[in-house]
Every structure is written in structure tokens, then in C-alpha cells.
């Protein structure tokens, strides 16, 4: 799959996440620090949208049970989640954010 436009950069406030549909997948596009990330928008523990959680220091926290995930690797950083979430390649071109669902450069290996 080629890069697909996910959102406008201006839609992402500092330390926030935005739920977008890319193709048929729900993706959380996240701004943390000076970086933009894209991860699967579902906690691996309880199928809760990660985009509704808190963002900070390159991590996102599920609002329901407190599981935290590394935005670069998708690895869980705190229980109760034990399985990683998918991460996707992101490119910012001009004022737009693009996501490639097939390119997972930092995807964890199980």
C-alpha cells in the first residue's frame, strides 16, 4: 500500500492523539514532542481506543486500565497489556500526515 493521507498536521495538538480511518484500519495518529507517530488504535489488552488516552514522552496510555505503549515500537510499557500494538511508517509532507499501513519499520517481533 502506498502512503495514504491520514490528517492535516494542524489537527494534532501537542501531546495528543487523533483517531483516523486509513483504508479499513483504525489508526491513532499521535504527536509527542516534535515527532508524529501512527499506531493501531486499539489497546492489545481490552480493545479500547488508544487515541482516547494520555500522550507524553513518546508513550500513550490506555484510559481504561492504564496500559502504556511505546509509540516507536508498539511495545507495552506497563501492565495489564502484555502484547504489542502495530506501528506504522509516517511521513509529513507540507501540512499533511501520511501513513503506510504496510510499512512497519519498528514493528516488534514476537
PDB file of N, CA and C in Angstrom:
ATOM      1  N   UNK A   1       0.855  -1.181   0.000  1.00  0.00           N
ATOM      2  CA  UNK A   1       0.000   0.000   0.000  1.00  0.00           C
ATOM      3  C   UNK A   1       0.891   1.230   0.000  1.00  0.00           C
ATOM      4  N   UNK A   2       0.545   2.189  -0.757  1.00  0.00           N
ATOM      5  CA  UNK A   2       1.270   3.456  -0.783  1.00  0.00           C
ATOM      6  C   UNK A   2       0.861   4.293   0.420  1.00  0.00           C
ATOM      7  N   UNK A   3       1.551   5.380   0.587  1.00  0.00           N
ATOM      8  CA  UNK A   3       1.188   6.299   1.654  1.00  0.00           C
ATOM      9  C   UNK A   3      -0.230   6.815   1.441  1.00  0.00           C
ATOM     10  N   UNK A   4      -0.985   6.887   2.539  1.00  0.00           N
ATOM     11  CA  UNK A   4      -2.361   7.367   2.498  1.00  0.00           C
ATOM     12  C   UNK A   4      -2.472   8.566   3.435  1.00  0.00           C
ATOM     13  N   UNK A   5      -3.108   9.632   2.955  1.00  0.00           N
ATOM     14  CA  UNK A   5      -3.289  10.804   3.805  1.00  0.00           C
ATOM     15  C   UNK A   5      -4.172  10.436   4.993  1.00  0.00           C
ATOM     16  N   UNK A   6      -3.688  10.754   6.185  1.00  0.00           N
ATOM     17  CA  UNK A   6      -4.431  10.428   7.403  1.00  0.00           C
ATOM     18  C   UNK A   6      -5.121  11.653   7.990  1.00  0.00           C
ATOM     19  N   UNK A   7      -4.426  12.803   7.981  1.00  0.00           N
ATOM     20  CA  UNK A   7      -4.996  14.007   8.570  1.00  0.00           C
ATOM     21  C   UNK A   7      -4.114  15.199   8.233  1.00  0.00           C
ATOM     22  N   UNK A   8      -4.589  16.368   8.601  1.00  0.00           N
ATOM     23  CA  UNK A   8      -3.781  17.580   8.491  1.00  0.00           C
ATOM     24  C   UNK A   8      -2.949  17.706   9.757  1.00  0.00           C
ATOM     25  N   UNK A   9      -1.739  18.165   9.625  1.00  0.00           N
ATOM     26  CA  UNK A   9      -0.847  18.329  10.761  1.00  0.00           C
ATOM     27  C   UNK A   9      -1.461  19.247  11.822  1.00  0.00           C
ATOM     28  N   UNK A  10      -2.187  20.255  11.390  1.00  0.00           N
ATOM     29  CA  UNK A  10      -2.781  21.222  12.330  1.00  0.00           C
ATOM     30  C   UNK A  10      -3.849  20.587  13.223  1.00  0.00           C
ATOM     31  N   UNK A  11      -4.344  19.405  12.850  1.00  0.00           N
ATOM     32  CA  UNK A  11      -5.351  18.712  13.656  1.00  0.00           C
ATOM     33  C   UNK A  11      -4.751  18.069  14.906  1.00  0.00           C
ATOM     34  N   UNK A  12      -3.429  17.996  14.968  1.00  0.00           N
ATOM     35  CA  UNK A  12      -2.756  17.330  16.085  1.00  0.00           C
ATOM     36  C   UNK A  12      -2.182  18.360  17.051  1.00  0.00           C
ATOM     37  N   UNK A  13      -2.804  18.486  18.195  1.00  0.00           N
ATOM     38  CA  UNK A  13      -2.274  19.360  19.236  1.00  0.00           C
ATOM     39  C   UNK A  13      -1.059  18.683  19.874  1.00  0.00           C
ATOM     40  N   UNK A  14      -0.274  19.445  20.593  1.00  0.00           N
ATOM     41  CA  UNK A  14       0.886  18.889  21.294  1.00  0.00           C
ATOM     42  C   UNK A  14       0.431  17.802  22.263  1.00  0.00           C
ATOM     43  N   UNK A  15       1.183  16.706  22.305  1.00  0.00           N
ATOM     44  CA  UNK A  15       0.925  15.584  23.219  1.00  0.00           C
ATOM     45  C   UNK A  15      -0.531  15.117  23.124  1.00  0.00           C
ATOM     46  N   UNK A  16      -0.943  14.808  21.898  1.00  0.00           N
ATOM     47  CA  UNK A  16      -2.317  14.356  21.691  1.00  0.00           C
ATOM     48  C   UNK A  16      -2.364  13.270  20.628  1.00  0.00           C
ATOM     49  N   UNK A  17      -3.520  12.624  20.526  1.00  0.00           N
ATOM     50  CA  UNK A  17      -3.754  11.584  19.529  1.00  0.00           C
ATOM     51  C   UNK A  17      -5.068  11.867  18.821  1.00  0.00           C
ATOM     52  N   UNK A  18      -5.127  11.432  17.569  1.00  0.00           N
ATOM     53  CA  UNK A  18      -6.314  11.613  16.748  1.00  0.00           C
ATOM     54  C   UNK A  18      -6.654  10.271  16.118  1.00  0.00           C
ATOM     55  N   UNK A  19      -7.897   9.854  16.249  1.00  0.00           N
ATOM     56  CA  UNK A  19      -8.337   8.612  15.631  1.00  0.00           C
ATOM     57  C   UNK A  19      -8.710   8.896  14.182  1.00  0.00           C
ATOM     58  N   UNK A  20      -8.127   8.109  13.267  1.00  0.00           N
ATOM     59  CA  UNK A  20      -8.442   8.249  11.844  1.00  0.00           C
ATOM     60  C   UNK A  20      -8.622   6.865  11.245  1.00  0.00           C
ATOM     61  N   UNK A  21      -9.383   6.803  10.175  1.00  0.00           N
ATOM     62  CA  UNK A  21      -9.528   5.553   9.444  1.00  0.00           C
ATOM     63  C   UNK A  21      -8.635   5.637   8.216  1.00  0.00           C
ATOM     64  N   UNK A  22      -7.704   4.703   8.123  1.00  0.00           N
ATOM     65  CA  UNK A  22      -6.793   4.635   6.982  1.00  0.00           C
ATOM     66  C   UNK A  22      -7.090   3.314   6.285  1.00  0.00           C
ATOM     67  N   UNK A  23      -7.624   3.404   5.084  1.00  0.00           N
ATOM     68  CA  UNK A  23      -8.110   2.185   4.451  1.00  0.00           C
ATOM     69  C   UNK A  23      -9.252   1.651   5.287  1.00  0.00           C
ATOM     70  N   UNK A  24      -9.115   0.411   5.726  1.00  0.00           N
ATOM     71  CA  UNK A  24     -10.135  -0.182   6.603  1.00  0.00           C
ATOM     72  C   UNK A  24      -9.652  -0.292   8.040  1.00  0.00           C
ATOM     73  N   UNK A  25      -8.509   0.319   8.343  1.00  0.00           N
ATOM     74  CA  UNK A  25      -7.924   0.206   9.677  1.00  0.00           C
ATOM     75  C   UNK A  25      -8.116   1.480  10.489  1.00  0.00           C
ATOM     76  N   UNK A  26      -8.364   1.303  11.785  1.00  0.00           N
ATOM     77  CA  UNK A  26      -8.410   2.435  12.706  1.00  0.00           C
ATOM     78  C   UNK A  26      -6.993   2.675  13.214  1.00  0.00           C
ATOM     79  N   UNK A  27      -6.538   3.895  13.037  1.00  0.00           N
ATOM     80  CA  UNK A  27      -5.164   4.263  13.376  1.00  0.00           C
ATOM     81  C   UNK A  27      -5.197   5.474  14.299  1.00  0.00           C
ATOM     82  N   UNK A  28      -4.327   5.472  15.293  1.00  0.00           N
ATOM     83  CA  UNK A  28      -4.131   6.650  16.131  1.00  0.00           C
ATOM     84  C   UNK A  28      -2.906   7.376  15.602  1.00  0.00           C
ATOM     85  N   UNK A  29      -3.113   8.597  15.126  1.00  0.00           N
ATOM     86  CA  UNK A  29      -2.001   9.455  14.716  1.00  0.00           C
ATOM     87  C   UNK A  29      -1.690  10.313  15.933  1.00  0.00           C
ATOM     88  N   UNK A  30      -0.429  10.296  16.346  1.00  0.00           N
ATOM     89  CA  UNK A  30      -0.051  10.858  17.640  1.00  0.00           C
ATOM     90  C   UNK A  30       1.074  11.866  17.471  1.00  0.00           C
ATOM     91  N   UNK A  31       0.951  12.996  18.188  1.00  0.00           N
ATOM     92  CA  UNK A  31       2.043  13.966  18.258  1.00  0.00           C
ATOM     93  C   UNK A  31       2.583  13.929  19.684  1.00  0.00           C
ATOM     94  N   UNK A  32       3.866  13.615  19.789  1.00  0.00           N
ATOM     95  CA  UNK A  32       4.534  13.615  21.094  1.00  0.00           C
ATOM     96  C   UNK A  32       5.902  14.245  20.896  1.00  0.00           C
ATOM     97  N   UNK A  33       6.161  15.300  21.635  1.00  0.00           N
ATOM     98  CA  UNK A  33       7.394  16.046  21.422  1.00  0.00           C
ATOM     99  C   UNK A  33       7.351  16.644  20.030  1.00  0.00           C
ATOM    100  N   UNK A  34       8.433  16.485  19.284  1.00  0.00           N
ATOM    101  CA  UNK A  34       8.470  17.021  17.924  1.00  0.00           C
ATOM    102  C   UNK A  34       8.281  15.927  16.874  1.00  0.00           C
ATOM    103  N   UNK A  35       7.745  14.775  17.274  1.00  0.00           N
ATOM    104  CA  UNK A  35       7.560  13.653  16.347  1.00  0.00           C
ATOM    105  C   UNK A  35       6.088  13.314  16.160  1.00  0.00           C
ATOM    106  N   UNK A  36       5.796  12.725  14.998  1.00  0.00           N
ATOM    107  CA  UNK A  36       4.471  12.232  14.687  1.00  0.00           C
ATOM    108  C   UNK A  36       4.575  10.715  14.542  1.00  0.00           C
ATOM    109  N   UNK A  37       3.649  10.011  15.134  1.00  0.00           N
ATOM    110  CA  UNK A  37       3.627   8.548  15.121  1.00  0.00           C
ATOM    111  C   UNK A  37       2.274   8.069  14.613  1.00  0.00           C
ATOM    112  N   UNK A  38       2.218   6.814  14.192  1.00  0.00           N
ATOM    113  CA  UNK A  38       0.946   6.168  13.866  1.00  0.00           C
ATOM    114  C   UNK A  38       0.986   4.756  14.431  1.00  0.00           C
ATOM    115  N   UNK A  39      -0.041   4.416  15.187  1.00  0.00           N
ATOM    116  CA  UNK A  39      -0.150   3.085  15.796  1.00  0.00           C
ATOM    117  C   UNK A  39      -1.573   2.590  15.636  1.00  0.00           C
ATOM    118  N   UNK A  40      -1.758   1.292  15.787  1.00  0.00           N
ATOM    119  CA  UNK A  40      -3.109   0.728  15.774  1.00  0.00           C
ATOM    120  C   UNK A  40      -3.909   1.374  16.904  1.00  0.00           C
ATOM    121  N   UNK A  41      -5.124   1.779  16.599  1.00  0.00           N
ATOM    122  CA  UNK A  41      -5.938   2.494  17.584  1.00  0.00           C
ATOM    123  C   UNK A  41      -6.771   1.531  18.422  1.00  0.00           C
ATOM    124  N   UNK A  42      -6.084   0.537  19.005  1.00  0.00           N
ATOM    125  CA  UNK A  42      -6.775  -0.419  19.866  1.00  0.00           C
ATOM    126  C   UNK A  42      -5.779  -1.002  20.852  1.00  0.00           C
ATOM    127  N   UNK A  43      -6.071  -0.846  22.125  1.00  0.00           N
ATOM    128  CA  UNK A  43      -5.238  -1.431  23.167  1.00  0.00           C
ATOM    129  C   UNK A  43      -5.238  -2.949  23.016  1.00  0.00           C
ATOM    130  N   UNK A  44      -4.078  -3.555  23.115  1.00  0.00           N
ATOM    131  CA  UNK A  44      -3.981  -5.009  22.963  1.00  0.00           C
ATOM    132  C   UNK A  44      -4.539  -5.761  24.171  1.00  0.00           C
ATOM    133  N   UNK A  45      -4.840  -5.060  25.233  1.00  0.00           N
ATOM    134  CA  UNK A  45      -5.375  -5.706  26.420  1.00  0.00           C
ATOM    135  C   UNK A  45      -6.897  -5.797  26.394  1.00  0.00           C
ATOM    136  N   UNK A  46      -7.570  -4.691  26.028  1.00  0.00           N
ATOM    137  CA  UNK A  46      -9.024  -4.693  26.177  1.00  0.00           C
ATOM    138  C   UNK A  46      -9.767  -4.030  25.020  1.00  0.00           C
ATOM    139  N   UNK A  47      -9.158  -3.918  23.861  1.00  0.00           N
ATOM    140  CA  UNK A  47      -9.829  -3.382  22.671  1.00  0.00           C
ATOM    141  C   UNK A  47     -10.450  -2.008  22.907  1.00  0.00           C
ATOM    142  N   UNK A  48      -9.727  -1.153  23.585  1.00  0.00           N
ATOM    143  CA  UNK A  48     -10.147   0.221  23.860  1.00  0.00           C
ATOM    144  C   UNK A  48      -9.363   1.144  22.932  1.00  0.00           C
ATOM    145  N   UNK A  49      -9.981   2.207  22.384  1.00  0.00           N
ATOM    146  CA  UNK A  49      -9.248   3.117  21.501  1.00  0.00           C
ATOM    147  C   UNK A  49      -8.107   3.835  22.241  1.00  0.00           C
ATOM    148  N   UNK A  50      -6.891   3.613  21.782  1.00  0.00           N
ATOM    149  CA  UNK A  50      -5.745   4.281  22.397  1.00  0.00           C
ATOM    150  C   UNK A  50      -5.775   5.783  22.161  1.00  0.00           C
ATOM    151  N   UNK A  51      -6.416   6.208  21.078  1.00  0.00           N
ATOM    152  CA  UNK A  51      -6.474   7.639  20.766  1.00  0.00           C
ATOM    153  C   UNK A  51      -7.195   8.441  21.841  1.00  0.00           C
ATOM    154  N   UNK A  52      -7.913   7.791  22.720  1.00  0.00           N
ATOM    155  CA  UNK A  52      -8.616   8.483  23.794  1.00  0.00           C
ATOM    156  C   UNK A  52      -7.776   8.577  25.068  1.00  0.00           C
ATOM    157  N   UNK A  53      -6.550   8.042  25.014  1.00  0.00           N
ATOM    158  CA  UNK A  53      -5.692   8.045  26.191  1.00  0.00           C
ATOM    159  C   UNK A  53      -4.759   9.237  26.253  1.00  0.00           C
ATOM    160  N   UNK A  54      -3.948   9.258  27.296  1.00  0.00           N
ATOM    161  CA  UNK A  54      -2.984  10.335  27.510  1.00  0.00           C
ATOM    162  C   UNK A  54      -1.706  10.060  26.735  1.00  0.00           C
ATOM    163  N   UNK A  55      -1.083  11.129  26.240  1.00  0.00           N
ATOM    164  CA  UNK A  55       0.156  11.057  25.473  1.00  0.00           C
ATOM    165  C   UNK A  55       1.218  11.875  26.195  1.00  0.00           C
ATOM    166  N   UNK A  56       2.452  11.338  26.225  1.00  0.00           N
ATOM    167  CA  UNK A  56       3.568  12.092  26.790  1.00  0.00           C
ATOM    168  C   UNK A  56       4.845  11.302  26.734  1.00  0.00           C
ATOM    169  N   UNK A  57       5.942  11.983  26.481  1.00  0.00           N
ATOM    170  CA  UNK A  57       7.279  11.376  26.491  1.00  0.00           C
ATOM    171  C   UNK A  57       7.389  10.162  25.573  1.00  0.00           C
ATOM    172  N   UNK A  58       6.768  10.231  24.378  1.00  0.00           N
ATOM    173  CA  UNK A  58       6.879   9.127  23.433  1.00  0.00           C
ATOM    174  C   UNK A  58       6.072   7.899  23.802  1.00  0.00           C
ATOM    175  N   UNK A  59       5.074   8.074  24.659  1.00  0.00           N
ATOM    176  CA  UNK A  59       4.217   6.969  25.095  1.00  0.00           C
ATOM    177  C   UNK A  59       2.754   7.369  24.994  1.00  0.00           C
ATOM    178  N   UNK A  60       1.895   6.351  24.920  1.00  0.00           N
ATOM    179  CA  UNK A  60       0.456   6.582  25.001  1.00  0.00           C
ATOM    180  C   UNK A  60      -0.107   5.622  26.044  1.00  0.00           C
ATOM    181  N   UNK A  61      -1.072   6.105  26.830  1.00  0.00           N
ATOM    182  CA  UNK A  61      -1.655   5.305  27.905  1.00  0.00           C
ATOM    183  C   UNK A  61      -3.129   5.061  27.635  1.00  0.00           C
ATOM    184  N   UNK A  62      -3.535   3.824  27.737  1.00  0.00           N
ATOM    185  CA  UNK A  62      -4.939   3.464  27.595  1.00  0.00           C
ATOM    186  C   UNK A  62      -5.707   4.033  28.798  1.00  0.00           C
ATOM    187  N   UNK A  63      -6.784   4.743  28.523  1.00  0.00           N
ATOM    188  CA  UNK A  63      -7.509   5.413  29.599  1.00  0.00           C
ATOM    189  C   UNK A  63      -8.243   4.454  30.530  1.00  0.00           C
ATOM    190  N   UNK A  64      -8.562   3.243  30.074  1.00  0.00           N
ATOM    191  CA  UNK A  64      -9.397   2.366  30.888  1.00  0.00           C
ATOM    192  C   UNK A  64      -8.628   1.624  31.971  1.00  0.00           C
ATOM    193  N   UNK A  65      -7.536   0.956  31.605  1.00  0.00           N
ATOM    194  CA  UNK A  65      -6.793   0.148  32.579  1.00  0.00           C
ATOM    195  C   UNK A  65      -5.367   0.629  32.814  1.00  0.00           C
ATOM    196  N   UNK A  66      -4.935   1.657  32.086  1.00  0.00           N
ATOM    197  CA  UNK A  66      -3.618   2.238  32.349  1.00  0.00           C
ATOM    198  C   UNK A  66      -2.446   1.586  31.633  1.00  0.00           C
ATOM    199  N   UNK A  67      -2.696   0.683  30.703  1.00  0.00           N
ATOM    200  CA  UNK A  67      -1.579   0.111  29.936  1.00  0.00           C
ATOM    201  C   UNK A  67      -0.907   1.230  29.145  1.00  0.00           C
ATOM    202  N   UNK A  68       0.423   1.204  29.091  1.00  0.00           N
ATOM    203  CA  UNK A  68       1.181   2.204  28.338  1.00  0.00           C
ATOM    204  C   UNK A  68       1.932   1.508  27.213  1.00  0.00           C
ATOM    205  N   UNK A  69       2.097   2.216  26.088  1.00  0.00           N
ATOM    206  CA  UNK A  69       2.781   1.676  24.924  1.00  0.00           C
ATOM    207  C   UNK A  69       3.813   2.665  24.402  1.00  0.00           C
ATOM    208  N   UNK A  70       4.958   2.136  23.980  1.00  0.00           N
ATOM    209  CA  UNK A  70       5.989   2.929  23.336  1.00  0.00           C
ATOM    210  C   UNK A  70       5.508   3.278  21.931  1.00  0.00           C
ATOM    211  N   UNK A  71       5.499   4.549  21.579  1.00  0.00           N
ATOM    212  CA  UNK A  71       4.984   4.967  20.284  1.00  0.00           C
ATOM    213  C   UNK A  71       5.900   4.589  19.125  1.00  0.00           C
ATOM    214  N   UNK A  72       7.161   4.346  19.384  1.00  0.00           N
ATOM    215  CA  UNK A  72       8.095   3.961  18.325  1.00  0.00           C
ATOM    216  C   UNK A  72       8.016   2.478  18.010  1.00  0.00           C
ATOM    217  N   UNK A  73       7.893   1.657  19.036  1.00  0.00           N
ATOM    218  CA  UNK A  73       7.945   0.206  18.841  1.00  0.00           C
ATOM    219  C   UNK A  73       6.605  -0.496  19.013  1.00  0.00           C
ATOM    220  N   UNK A  74       5.661   0.131  19.700  1.00  0.00           N
ATOM    221  CA  UNK A  74       4.391  -0.509  19.999  1.00  0.00           C
ATOM    222  C   UNK A  74       4.447  -1.438  21.194  1.00  0.00           C
ATOM    223  N   UNK A  75       5.612  -1.588  21.791  1.00  0.00           N
ATOM    224  CA  UNK A  75       5.766  -2.490  22.934  1.00  0.00           C
ATOM    225  C   UNK A  75       5.036  -1.956  24.165  1.00  0.00           C
ATOM    226  N   UNK A  76       4.397  -2.843  24.931  1.00  0.00           N
ATOM    227  CA  UNK A  76       3.757  -2.406  26.165  1.00  0.00           C
ATOM    228  C   UNK A  76       4.817  -2.040  27.199  1.00  0.00           C
ATOM    229  N   UNK A  77       4.548  -0.965  27.934  1.00  0.00           N
ATOM    230  CA  UNK A  77       5.478  -0.489  28.962  1.00  0.00           C
ATOM    231  C   UNK A  77       4.907  -0.639  30.356  1.00  0.00           C
ATOM    232  N   UNK A  78       3.676  -1.069  30.430  1.00  0.00           N
ATOM    233  CA  UNK A  78       3.052  -1.254  31.732  1.00  0.00           C
ATOM    234  C   UNK A  78       1.857  -2.175  31.627  1.00  0.00           C
ATOM    235  N   UNK A  79       1.664  -2.961  32.662  1.00  0.00           N
ATOM    236  CA  UNK A  79       0.536  -3.893  32.716  1.00  0.00           C
ATOM    237  C   UNK A  79      -0.770  -3.119  32.805  1.00  0.00           C
ATOM    238  N   UNK A  80      -1.874  -3.718  32.414  1.00  0.00           N
ATOM    239  CA  UNK A  80      -2.061  -5.141  32.194  1.00  0.00           C
ATOM    240  C   UNK A  80      -1.732  -5.625  30.776  1.00  0.00           C
ATOM    241  N   UNK A  81      -1.468  -4.748  29.813  1.00  0.00           N
ATOM    242  CA  UNK A  81      -1.152  -5.210  28.456  1.00  0.00           C
ATOM    243  C   UNK A  81       0.185  -5.944  28.439  1.00  0.00           C
ATOM    244  N   UNK A  82       0.225  -7.030  27.696  1.00  0.00           N
ATOM    245  CA  UNK A  82       1.469  -7.785  27.536  1.00  0.00           C
ATOM    246  C   UNK A  82       1.827  -7.964  26.062  1.00  0.00           C
ATOM    247  N   UNK A  83       0.907  -7.651  25.166  1.00  0.00           N
ATOM    248  CA  UNK A  83       1.136  -7.780  23.728  1.00  0.00           C
ATOM    249  C   UNK A  83       1.337  -6.405  23.109  1.00  0.00           C
ATOM    250  N   UNK A  84       2.219  -6.299  22.119  1.00  0.00           N
ATOM    251  CA  UNK A  84       2.447  -5.012  21.454  1.00  0.00           C
ATOM    252  C   UNK A  84       1.291  -4.639  20.533  1.00  0.00           C
ATOM    253  N   UNK A  85       1.256  -3.379  20.128  1.00  0.00           N
ATOM    254  CA  UNK A  85       0.336  -2.905  19.096  1.00  0.00           C
ATOM    255  C   UNK A  85       1.163  -2.554  17.859  1.00  0.00           C
ATOM    256  N   UNK A  86       0.535  -2.608  16.697  1.00  0.00           N
ATOM    257  CA  UNK A  86       1.231  -2.314  15.445  1.00  0.00           C
ATOM    258  C   UNK A  86       1.602  -0.834  15.362  1.00  0.00           C
ATOM    259  N   UNK A  87       2.759  -0.564  14.796  1.00  0.00           N
ATOM    260  CA  UNK A  87       3.184   0.797  14.488  1.00  0.00           C
ATOM    261  C   UNK A  87       3.379   0.898  12.983  1.00  0.00           C
ATOM    262  N   UNK A  88       3.223   2.097  12.451  1.00  0.00           N
ATOM    263  CA  UNK A  88       3.275   2.299  11.013  1.00  0.00           C
ATOM    264  C   UNK A  88       4.212   3.448  10.656  1.00  0.00           C
ATOM    265  N   UNK A  89       4.745   3.371   9.448  1.00  0.00           N
ATOM    266  CA  UNK A  89       5.607   4.442   8.942  1.00  0.00           C
ATOM    267  C   UNK A  89       4.751   5.679   8.684  1.00  0.00           C
ATOM    268  N   UNK A  90       5.297   6.831   9.059  1.00  0.00           N
ATOM    269  CA  UNK A  90       4.604   8.113   8.899  1.00  0.00           C
ATOM    270  C   UNK A  90       5.501   9.062   8.122  1.00  0.00           C
ATOM    271  N   UNK A  91       4.903   9.841   7.258  1.00  0.00           N
ATOM    272  CA  UNK A  91       5.607  10.931   6.585  1.00  0.00           C
ATOM    273  C   UNK A  91       4.746  12.180   6.672  1.00  0.00           C
ATOM    274  N   UNK A  92       5.404  13.301   6.926  1.00  0.00           N
ATOM    275  CA  UNK A  92       4.730  14.587   6.908  1.00  0.00           C
ATOM    276  C   UNK A  92       5.192  15.297   5.648  1.00  0.00           C
ATOM    277  N   UNK A  93       4.232  15.643   4.810  1.00  0.00           N
ATOM    278  CA  UNK A  93       4.522  16.364   3.576  1.00  0.00           C
ATOM    279  C   UNK A  93       3.706  17.642   3.589  1.00  0.00           C
ATOM    280  N   UNK A  94       4.398  18.756   3.675  1.00  0.00           N
ATOM    281  CA  UNK A  94       3.685  20.023   3.779  1.00  0.00           C
ATOM    282  C   UNK A  94       2.892  20.060   5.062  1.00  0.00           C
ATOM    283  N   UNK A  95       1.588  20.240   4.928  1.00  0.00           N
ATOM    284  CA  UNK A  95       0.703  20.311   6.096  1.00  0.00           C
ATOM    285  C   UNK A  95      -0.075  19.027   6.331  1.00  0.00           C
ATOM    286  N   UNK A  96       0.310  17.943   5.648  1.00  0.00           N
ATOM    287  CA  UNK A  96      -0.436  16.699   5.752  1.00  0.00           C
ATOM    288  C   UNK A  96       0.395  15.564   6.334  1.00  0.00           C
ATOM    289  N   UNK A  97      -0.295  14.664   7.043  1.00  0.00           N
ATOM    290  CA  UNK A  97       0.326  13.483   7.618  1.00  0.00           C
ATOM    291  C   UNK A  97      -0.129  12.273   6.809  1.00  0.00           C
ATOM    292  N   UNK A  98       0.841  11.466   6.370  1.00  0.00           N
ATOM    293  CA  UNK A  98       0.574  10.271   5.589  1.00  0.00           C
ATOM    294  C   UNK A  98       1.037   9.044   6.365  1.00  0.00           C
ATOM    295  N   UNK A  99       0.280   7.947   6.221  1.00  0.00           N
ATOM    296  CA  UNK A  99       0.578   6.695   6.913  1.00  0.00           C
ATOM    297  C   UNK A  99       0.666   5.581   5.883  1.00  0.00           C
ATOM    298  N   UNK A 100       1.620   4.672   6.089  1.00  0.00           N
ATOM    299  CA  UNK A 100       1.755   3.489   5.248  1.00  0.00           C
ATOM    300  C   UNK A 100       1.481   2.270   6.121  1.00  0.00           C
ATOM    301  N   UNK A 101       0.313   1.655   5.955  1.00  0.00           N
ATOM    302  CA  UNK A 101      -0.074   0.520   6.791  1.00  0.00           C
ATOM    303  C   UNK A 101       0.776  -0.716   6.535  1.00  0.00           C
ATOM    304  N   UNK A 102       1.406  -0.802   5.384  1.00  0.00           N
ATOM    305  CA  UNK A 102       2.236  -1.961   5.072  1.00  0.00           C
ATOM    306  C   UNK A 102       3.663  -1.812   5.573  1.00  0.00           C
ATOM    307  N   UNK A 103       4.057  -0.611   5.878  1.00  0.00           N
ATOM    308  CA  UNK A 103       5.443  -0.373   6.307  1.00  0.00           C
ATOM    309  C   UNK A 103       5.474  -0.185   7.812  1.00  0.00           C
ATOM    310  N   UNK A 104       6.030  -1.152   8.477  1.00  0.00           N
ATOM    311  CA  UNK A 104       6.120  -1.109   9.934  1.00  0.00           C
ATOM    312  C   UNK A 104       7.588  -1.231  10.316  1.00  0.00           C
ATOM    313  N   UNK A 105       8.346  -0.130  10.149  1.00  0.00           N
ATOM    314  CA  UNK A 105       9.794  -0.214  10.324  1.00  0.00           C
ATOM    315  C   UNK A 105      10.234  -0.606  11.724  1.00  0.00           C
ATOM    316  N   UNK A 106       9.440  -0.275  12.714  1.00  0.00           N
ATOM    317  CA  UNK A 106       9.825  -0.570  14.090  1.00  0.00           C
ATOM    318  C   UNK A 106       8.900  -1.601  14.714  1.00  0.00           C
ATOM    319  N   UNK A 107       8.211  -2.345  13.876  1.00  0.00           N
ATOM    320  CA  UNK A 107       7.258  -3.324  14.396  1.00  0.00           C
ATOM    321  C   UNK A 107       7.979  -4.370  15.237  1.00  0.00           C
ATOM    322  N   UNK A 108       7.398  -4.687  16.378  1.00  0.00           N
ATOM    323  CA  UNK A 108       8.022  -5.695  17.236  1.00  0.00           C
ATOM    324  C   UNK A 108       7.961  -7.079  16.612  1.00  0.00           C
ATOM    325  N   UNK A 109       8.907  -7.878  16.959  1.00  0.00           N
ATOM    326  CA  UNK A 109       8.888  -9.289  16.538  1.00  0.00           C
ATOM    327  C   UNK A 109       8.568 -10.135  17.749  1.00  0.00           C
ATOM    328  N   UNK A 110       7.668 -11.069  17.568  1.00  0.00           N
ATOM    329  CA  UNK A 110       7.272 -11.915  18.713  1.00  0.00           C
ATOM    330  C   UNK A 110       8.055 -13.190  18.732  1.00  0.00           C
TER     331      UNK A 110
END
